[in-house]
Amino acid sequence: RWLLRADTRHPILFDHQVDHVPGMALLEAARQ
């Protein structure tokens, strides 16, 4: 069990400003 770590400064997962966690970041969380 882990806590999702959403770094909004990440240049790929947060390529631009959003108000929620992008789907690709969730896929990466699943893979990790």
All heavy atoms as atom14 arrays in JSON, in Angstrom:
{
  "sequence": "RWLLRADTRHPILFDHQVDHVPGMALLEAARQ",
  "atom14_mask": [
    [1, 1, 1, 1, 1, 1, 1, 1, 1, 1, 1, 0, 0, 0],
    [1, 1, 1, 1, 1, 1, 1, 1, 1, 1, 1, 1, 1, 1],
    [1, 1, 1, 1, 1, 1, 1, 1, 0, 0, 0, 0, 0, 0],
    [1, 1, 1, 1, 1, 1, 1, 1, 0, 0, 0, 0, 0, 0],
    [1, 1, 1, 1, 1, 1, 1, 1, 1, 1, 1, 0, 0, 0],
    [1, 1, 1, 1, 1, 0, 0, 0, 0, 0, 0, 0, 0, 0],
    [1, 1, 1, 1, 1, 1, 1, 1, 0, 0, 0, 0, 0, 0],
    [1, 1, 1, 1, 1, 1, 1, 0, 0, 0, 0, 0, 0, 0],
    [1, 1, 1, 1, 1, 1, 1, 1, 1, 1, 1, 0, 0, 0],
    [1, 1, 1, 1, 1, 1, 1, 1, 1, 1, 0, 0, 0, 0],
    [1, 1, 1, 1, 1, 1, 1, 0, 0, 0, 0, 0, 0, 0],
    [1, 1, 1, 1, 1, 1, 1, 1, 0, 0, 0, 0, 0, 0],
    [1, 1, 1, 1, 1, 1, 1, 1, 0, 0, 0, 0, 0, 0],
    [1, 1, 1, 1, 1, 1, 1, 1, 1, 1, 1, 0, 0, 0],
    [1, 1, 1, 1, 1, 1, 1, 1, 0, 0, 0, 0, 0, 0],
    [1, 1, 1, 1, 1, 1, 1, 1, 1, 1, 0, 0, 0, 0],
    [1, 1, 1, 1, 1, 1, 1, 1, 1, 0, 0, 0, 0, 0],
    [1, 1, 1, 1, 1, 1, 1, 0, 0, 0, 0, 0, 0, 0],
    [1, 1, 1, 1, 1, 1, 1, 1, 0, 0, 0, 0, 0, 0],
    [1, 1, 1, 1, 1, 1, 1, 1, 1, 1, 0, 0, 0, 0],
    [1, 1, 1, 1, 1, 1, 1, 0, 0, 0, 0, 0, 0, 0],
    [1, 1, 1, 1, 1, 1, 1, 0, 0, 0, 0, 0, 0, 0],
    [1, 1, 1, 1, 0, 0, 0, 0, 0, 0, 0, 0, 0, 0],
    [1, 1, 1, 1, 1, 1, 1, 1, 0, 0, 0, 0, 0, 0],
    [1, 1, 1, 1, 1, 0, 0, 0, 0, 0, 0, 0, 0, 0],
    [1, 1, 1, 1, 1, 1, 1, 1, 0, 0, 0, 0, 0, 0],
    [1, 1, 1, 1, 1, 1, 1, 1, 0, 0, 0, 0, 0, 0],
    [1, 1, 1, 1, 1, 1, 1, 1, 1, 0, 0, 0, 0, 0],
    [1, 1, 1, 1, 1, 0, 0, 0, 0, 0, 0, 0, 0, 0],
    [1, 1, 1, 1, 1, 0, 0, 0, 0, 0, 0, 0, 0, 0],
    [1, 1, 1, 1, 1, 1, 1, 1, 1, 1, 1, 0, 0, 0],
    [1, 1, 1, 1, 1, 1, 1, 1, 1, 0, 0, 0, 0, 0]
  ],
  "atom14_positions": [
    [[0.86, -1.19, 0.0], [0.0, 0.0, 0.0], [0.89, 1.24, 0.0], [1.87, 1.31, 0.75], [-0.95, 0.01, 1.19], [-1.63, 1.35, 1.42], [-2.76, 1.29, 2.42], [-3.99, 0.83, 1.76], [-5.21, 1.0, 2.26], [-5.38, 1.61, 3.44], [-6.27, 0.57, 1.62], [0.0, 0.0, 0.0], [0.0, 0.0, 0.0], [0.0, 0.0, 0.0]],
    [[0.56, 2.19, -0.86], [1.35, 3.4, -0.99], [0.44, 4.61, -1.07], [-0.77, 4.49, -1.3], [2.21, 3.36, -2.27], [3.14, 2.19, -2.33], [4.43, 2.13, -1.89], [2.84, 0.89, -2.87], [4.95, 0.89, -2.13], [4.0, 0.11, -2.73], [1.69, 0.33, -3.46], [4.06, -1.21, -3.16], [1.74, -0.99, -3.89], [2.92, -1.74, -3.73]],
    [[1.03, 5.77, -0.88], [0.34, 7.03, -1.09], [0.77, 7.59, -2.44], [1.96, 7.61, -2.76], [0.71, 8.01, 0.02], [-0.05, 9.35, 0.08], [-1.51, 9.12, 0.42], [0.61, 10.28, 1.09], [0.0, 0.0, 0.0], [0.0, 0.0, 0.0], [0.0, 0.0, 0.0], [0.0, 0.0, 0.0], [0.0, 0.0, 0.0], [0.0, 0.0, 0.0]],
    [[-0.21, 8.01, -3.24], [0.13, 8.61, -4.53], [0.93, 9.89, -4.3], [0.55, 10.74, -3.5], [-1.15, 8.92, -5.3], [-0.95, 9.58, -6.68], [-0.26, 8.63, -7.64], [-2.3, 10.03, -7.24], [0.0, 0.0, 0.0], [0.0, 0.0, 0.0], [0.0, 0.0, 0.0], [0.0, 0.0, 0.0], [0.0, 0.0, 0.0], [0.0, 0.0, 0.0]],
    [[2.03, 9.99, -5.01], [2.92, 11.16, -4.88], [2.82, 11.95, -6.19], [3.4, 11.57, -7.21], [4.35, 10.68, -4.62], [5.38, 11.77, -4.48], [6.73, 11.16, -4.13], [7.73, 12.2, -3.9], [8.53, 12.7, -4.84], [8.46, 12.23, -6.09], [9.39, 13.65, -4.55], [0.0, 0.0, 0.0], [0.0, 0.0, 0.0], [0.0, 0.0, 0.0]],
    [[2.09, 13.04, -6.17], [1.82, 13.81, -7.39], [2.66, 15.09, -7.36], [2.31, 16.07, -6.7], [0.33, 14.15, -7.49], [0.0, 0.0, 0.0], [0.0, 0.0, 0.0], [0.0, 0.0, 0.0], [0.0, 0.0, 0.0], [0.0, 0.0, 0.0], [0.0, 0.0, 0.0], [0.0, 0.0, 0.0], [0.0, 0.0, 0.0], [0.0, 0.0, 0.0]],
    [[3.76, 15.05, -8.09], [4.65, 16.21, -8.16], [4.22, 17.06, -9.35], [4.54, 16.75, -10.5], [6.1, 15.74, -8.32], [7.09, 16.9, -8.31], [6.65, 18.06, -8.24], [8.31, 16.63, -8.39], [0.0, 0.0, 0.0], [0.0, 0.0, 0.0], [0.0, 0.0, 0.0], [0.0, 0.0, 0.0], [0.0, 0.0, 0.0], [0.0, 0.0, 0.0]],
    [[3.52, 18.14, -9.08], [2.99, 18.98, -10.16], [4.08, 19.74, -10.9], [3.81, 20.38, -11.92], [1.97, 19.99, -9.6], [2.58, 20.78, -8.58], [0.76, 19.26, -9.03], [0.0, 0.0, 0.0], [0.0, 0.0, 0.0], [0.0, 0.0, 0.0], [0.0, 0.0, 0.0], [0.0, 0.0, 0.0], [0.0, 0.0, 0.0], [0.0, 0.0, 0.0]],
    [[5.32, 19.63, -10.43], [6.46, 20.25, -11.13], [7.11, 19.29, -12.12], [8.03, 19.68, -12.84], [7.51, 20.73, -10.13], [7.0, 21.76, -9.12], [8.0, 21.94, -8.0], [8.24, 20.66, -7.3], [9.12, 20.5, -6.33], [9.85, 21.52, -5.92], [9.29, 19.31, -5.76], [0.0, 0.0, 0.0], [0.0, 0.0, 0.0], [0.0, 0.0, 0.0]],
    [[6.64, 18.05, -12.15], [7.26, 17.06, -13.04], [7.03, 17.46, -14.49], [5.88, 17.69, -14.91], [6.68, 15.67, -12.79], [7.5, 14.57, -13.39], [7.45, 14.26, -14.73], [8.4, 13.72, -12.83], [8.28, 13.27, -14.98], [8.87, 12.92, -13.85], [0.0, 0.0, 0.0], [0.0, 0.0, 0.0], [0.0, 0.0, 0.0], [0.0, 0.0, 0.0]],
    [[8.08, 17.57, -15.29], [7.93, 18.14, -16.64], [7.23, 17.24, -17.64], [6.8, 17.72, -18.7], [9.38, 18.39, -17.07], [10.18, 17.4, -16.29], [9.49, 17.28, -14.98], [0.0, 0.0, 0.0], [0.0, 0.0, 0.0], [0.0, 0.0, 0.0], [0.0, 0.0, 0.0], [0.0, 0.0, 0.0], [0.0, 0.0, 0.0], [0.0, 0.0, 0.0]],
    [[7.08, 15.95, -17.34], [6.42, 15.04, -18.27], [5.01, 14.71, -17.79], [4.02, 14.92, -18.5], [7.23, 13.74, -18.45], [8.7, 14.05, -18.73], [6.62, 12.9, -19.58], [8.95, 14.89, -19.95], [0.0, 0.0, 0.0], [0.0, 0.0, 0.0], [0.0, 0.0, 0.0], [0.0, 0.0, 0.0], [0.0, 0.0, 0.0], [0.0, 0.0, 0.0]],
    [[4.9, 14.21, -16.57], [3.58, 13.82, -16.05], [2.67, 15.03, -15.88], [1.45, 14.92, -16.04], [3.75, 13.09, -14.72], [4.45, 11.73, -14.79], [4.64, 11.17, -13.4], [3.66, 10.76, -15.66], [0.0, 0.0, 0.0], [0.0, 0.0, 0.0], [0.0, 0.0, 0.0], [0.0, 0.0, 0.0], [0.0, 0.0, 0.0], [0.0, 0.0, 0.0]],
    [[3.25, 16.17, -15.54], [2.49, 17.42, -15.44], [3.09, 18.4, -16.45], [3.67, 19.42, -16.09], [2.55, 17.96, -14.01], [1.73, 17.16, -13.04], [2.26, 16.02, -12.45], [0.43, 17.52, -12.71], [1.52, 15.27, -11.55], [-0.33, 16.78, -11.82], [0.22, 15.64, -11.23], [0.0, 0.0, 0.0], [0.0, 0.0, 0.0], [0.0, 0.0, 0.0]],
    [[2.92, 18.06, -17.71], [3.47, 18.86, -18.81], [2.9, 20.26, -18.83], [3.53, 21.2, -19.28], [3.16, 18.11, -20.12], [3.39, 18.94, -21.36], [4.57, 19.09, -21.75], [2.41, 19.45, -21.92], [0.0, 0.0, 0.0], [0.0, 0.0, 0.0], [0.0, 0.0, 0.0], [0.0, 0.0, 0.0], [0.0, 0.0, 0.0], [0.0, 0.0, 0.0]],
    [[1.67, 20.42, -18.33], [1.03, 21.73, -18.24], [0.14, 21.74, -17.0], [-0.11, 20.7, -16.4], [0.21, 22.04, -19.51], [-0.79, 20.96, -19.83], [-0.45, 19.8, -20.49], [-2.12, 20.86, -19.57], [-1.52, 19.03, -20.63], [-2.54, 19.65, -20.08], [0.0, 0.0, 0.0], [0.0, 0.0, 0.0], [0.0, 0.0, 0.0], [0.0, 0.0, 0.0]],
    [[-0.31, 22.91, -16.63], [-1.08, 23.05, -15.39], [-2.45, 22.41, -15.52], [-3.18, 22.64, -16.49], [-1.23, 24.53, -15.03], [-1.86, 24.76, -13.66], [-1.87, 26.22, -13.27], [-1.56, 27.08, -14.07], [-2.22, 26.51, -12.03], [0.0, 0.0, 0.0], [0.0, 0.0, 0.0], [0.0, 0.0, 0.0], [0.0, 0.0, 0.0], [0.0, 0.0, 0.0]],
    [[-2.8, 21.57, -14.54], [-4.1, 20.92, -14.5], [-4.62, 20.97, -13.07], [-3.86, 21.24, -12.13], [-4.02, 19.45, -14.98], [-3.74, 19.37, -16.47], [-2.96, 18.68, -14.2], [0.0, 0.0, 0.0], [0.0, 0.0, 0.0], [0.0, 0.0, 0.0], [0.0, 0.0, 0.0], [0.0, 0.0, 0.0], [0.0, 0.0, 0.0], [0.0, 0.0, 0.0]],
    [[-5.92, 20.7, -12.89], [-6.49, 20.77, -11.54], [-6.78, 19.38, -10.96], [-7.48, 19.24, -9.97], [-7.77, 21.61, -11.55], [-8.86, 21.04, -12.45], [-8.89, 19.82, -12.65], [-9.68, 21.83, -12.96], [0.0, 0.0, 0.0], [0.0, 0.0, 0.0], [0.0, 0.0, 0.0], [0.0, 0.0, 0.0], [0.0, 0.0, 0.0], [0.0, 0.0, 0.0]],
    [[-6.23, 18.33, -11.61], [-6.39, 16.97, -11.11], [-5.19, 16.15, -11.57], [-4.37, 16.63, -12.35], [-7.7, 16.35, -11.62], [-7.79, 16.3, -13.12], [-8.21, 17.37, -13.88], [-7.46, 15.33, -14.01], [-8.16, 17.05, -15.17], [-7.7, 15.82, -15.28], [0.0, 0.0, 0.0], [0.0, 0.0, 0.0], [0.0, 0.0, 0.0], [0.0, 0.0, 0.0]],
    [[-5.09, 14.93, -11.09], [-3.97, 14.07, -11.48], [-4.25, 13.51, -12.87], [-5.29, 12.89, -13.1], [-3.78, 12.93, -10.47], [-2.6, 12.04, -10.88], [-3.58, 13.47, -9.06], [0.0, 0.0, 0.0], [0.0, 0.0, 0.0], [0.0, 0.0, 0.0], [0.0, 0.0, 0.0], [0.0, 0.0, 0.0], [0.0, 0.0, 0.0], [0.0, 0.0, 0.0]],
    [[-3.34, 13.71, -13.83], [-3.57, 13.2, -15.19], [-3.62, 11.67, -15.23], [-3.01, 10.97, -14.4], [-2.35, 13.72, -15.97], [-1.82, 14.85, -15.16], [-2.12, 14.5, -13.73], [0.0, 0.0, 0.0], [0.0, 0.0, 0.0], [0.0, 0.0, 0.0], [0.0, 0.0, 0.0], [0.0, 0.0, 0.0], [0.0, 0.0, 0.0], [0.0, 0.0, 0.0]],
    [[-4.34, 11.16, -16.22], [-4.47, 9.72, -16.37], [-3.14, 9.02, -16.55], [-2.93, 7.91, -16.03], [0.0, 0.0, 0.0], [0.0, 0.0, 0.0], [0.0, 0.0, 0.0], [0.0, 0.0, 0.0], [0.0, 0.0, 0.0], [0.0, 0.0, 0.0], [0.0, 0.0, 0.0], [0.0, 0.0, 0.0], [0.0, 0.0, 0.0], [0.0, 0.0, 0.0]],
    [[-2.19, 9.63, -17.29], [-0.91, 9.0, -17.5], [-0.13, 8.88, -16.2], [0.65, 7.94, -16.0], [-0.09, 9.75, -18.54], [-0.56, 9.56, -19.97], [-0.6, 7.82, -20.51], [1.12, 7.36, -20.31], [0.0, 0.0, 0.0], [0.0, 0.0, 0.0], [0.0, 0.0, 0.0], [0.0, 0.0, 0.0], [0.0, 0.0, 0.0], [0.0, 0.0, 0.0]],
    [[-0.32, 9.82, -15.27], [0.34, 9.71, -13.96], [-0.24, 8.54, -13.17], [0.48, 7.86, -12.43], [0.18, 11.02, -13.18], [0.0, 0.0, 0.0], [0.0, 0.0, 0.0], [0.0, 0.0, 0.0], [0.0, 0.0, 0.0], [0.0, 0.0, 0.0], [0.0, 0.0, 0.0], [0.0, 0.0, 0.0], [0.0, 0.0, 0.0], [0.0, 0.0, 0.0]],
    [[-1.54, 8.29, -13.33], [-2.16, 7.16, -12.65], [-1.68, 5.84, -13.26], [-1.47, 4.86, -12.54], [-3.69, 7.27, -12.73], [-4.29, 8.52, -12.09], [-5.8, 8.55, -12.28], [-3.92, 8.61, -10.62], [0.0, 0.0, 0.0], [0.0, 0.0, 0.0], [0.0, 0.0, 0.0], [0.0, 0.0, 0.0], [0.0, 0.0, 0.0], [0.0, 0.0, 0.0]],
    [[-1.5, 5.79, -14.58], [-0.94, 4.6, -15.2], [0.47, 4.33, -14.68], [0.85, 3.18, -14.43], [-0.9, 4.75, -16.72], [-2.24, 4.71, -17.47], [-1.99, 4.86, -18.96], [-2.98, 3.4, -17.18], [0.0, 0.0, 0.0], [0.0, 0.0, 0.0], [0.0, 0.0, 0.0], [0.0, 0.0, 0.0], [0.0, 0.0, 0.0], [0.0, 0.0, 0.0]],
    [[1.25, 5.39, -14.52], [2.61, 5.22, -13.99], [2.56, 4.73, -12.55], [3.38, 3.89, -12.15], [3.38, 6.53, -14.08], [4.78, 6.49, -13.51], [5.7, 5.5, -14.21], [5.42, 5.11, -15.36], [6.72, 5.12, -13.6], [0.0, 0.0, 0.0], [0.0, 0.0, 0.0], [0.0, 0.0, 0.0], [0.0, 0.0, 0.0], [0.0, 0.0, 0.0]],
    [[1.61, 5.22, -11.76], [1.46, 4.74, -10.39], [1.13, 3.25, -10.39], [1.65, 2.48, -9.56], [0.37, 5.53, -9.67], [0.0, 0.0, 0.0], [0.0, 0.0, 0.0], [0.0, 0.0, 0.0], [0.0, 0.0, 0.0], [0.0, 0.0, 0.0], [0.0, 0.0, 0.0], [0.0, 0.0, 0.0], [0.0, 0.0, 0.0], [0.0, 0.0, 0.0]],
    [[0.26, 2.84, -11.31], [-0.1, 1.41, -11.4], [1.12, 0.59, -11.79], [1.37, -0.49, -11.22], [-1.22, 1.23, -12.41], [0.0, 0.0, 0.0], [0.0, 0.0, 0.0], [0.0, 0.0, 0.0], [0.0, 0.0, 0.0], [0.0, 0.0, 0.0], [0.0, 0.0, 0.0], [0.0, 0.0, 0.0], [0.0, 0.0, 0.0], [0.0, 0.0, 0.0]],
    [[1.9, 1.07, -12.74], [3.09, 0.33, -13.17], [4.11, 0.22, -12.02], [4.69, -0.83, -11.78], [3.71, 1.01, -14.38], [4.86, 0.19, -15.0], [6.21, 0.82, -14.73], [6.34, 2.09, -15.39], [6.77, 2.24, -16.65], [7.1, 1.19, -17.36], [6.88, 3.44, -17.16], [0.0, 0.0, 0.0], [0.0, 0.0, 0.0], [0.0, 0.0, 0.0]],
    [[4.32, 1.33, -11.3], [5.28, 1.3, -10.2], [4.81, 0.39, -9.07], [5.61, -0.33, -8.46], [5.55, 2.71, -9.7], [6.31, 3.57, -10.7], [6.76, 4.91, -10.14], [6.77, 5.12, -8.93], [7.12, 5.83, -11.02], [0.0, 0.0, 0.0], [0.0, 0.0, 0.0], [0.0, 0.0, 0.0], [0.0, 0.0, 0.0], [0.0, 0.0, 0.0]]
  ]
}
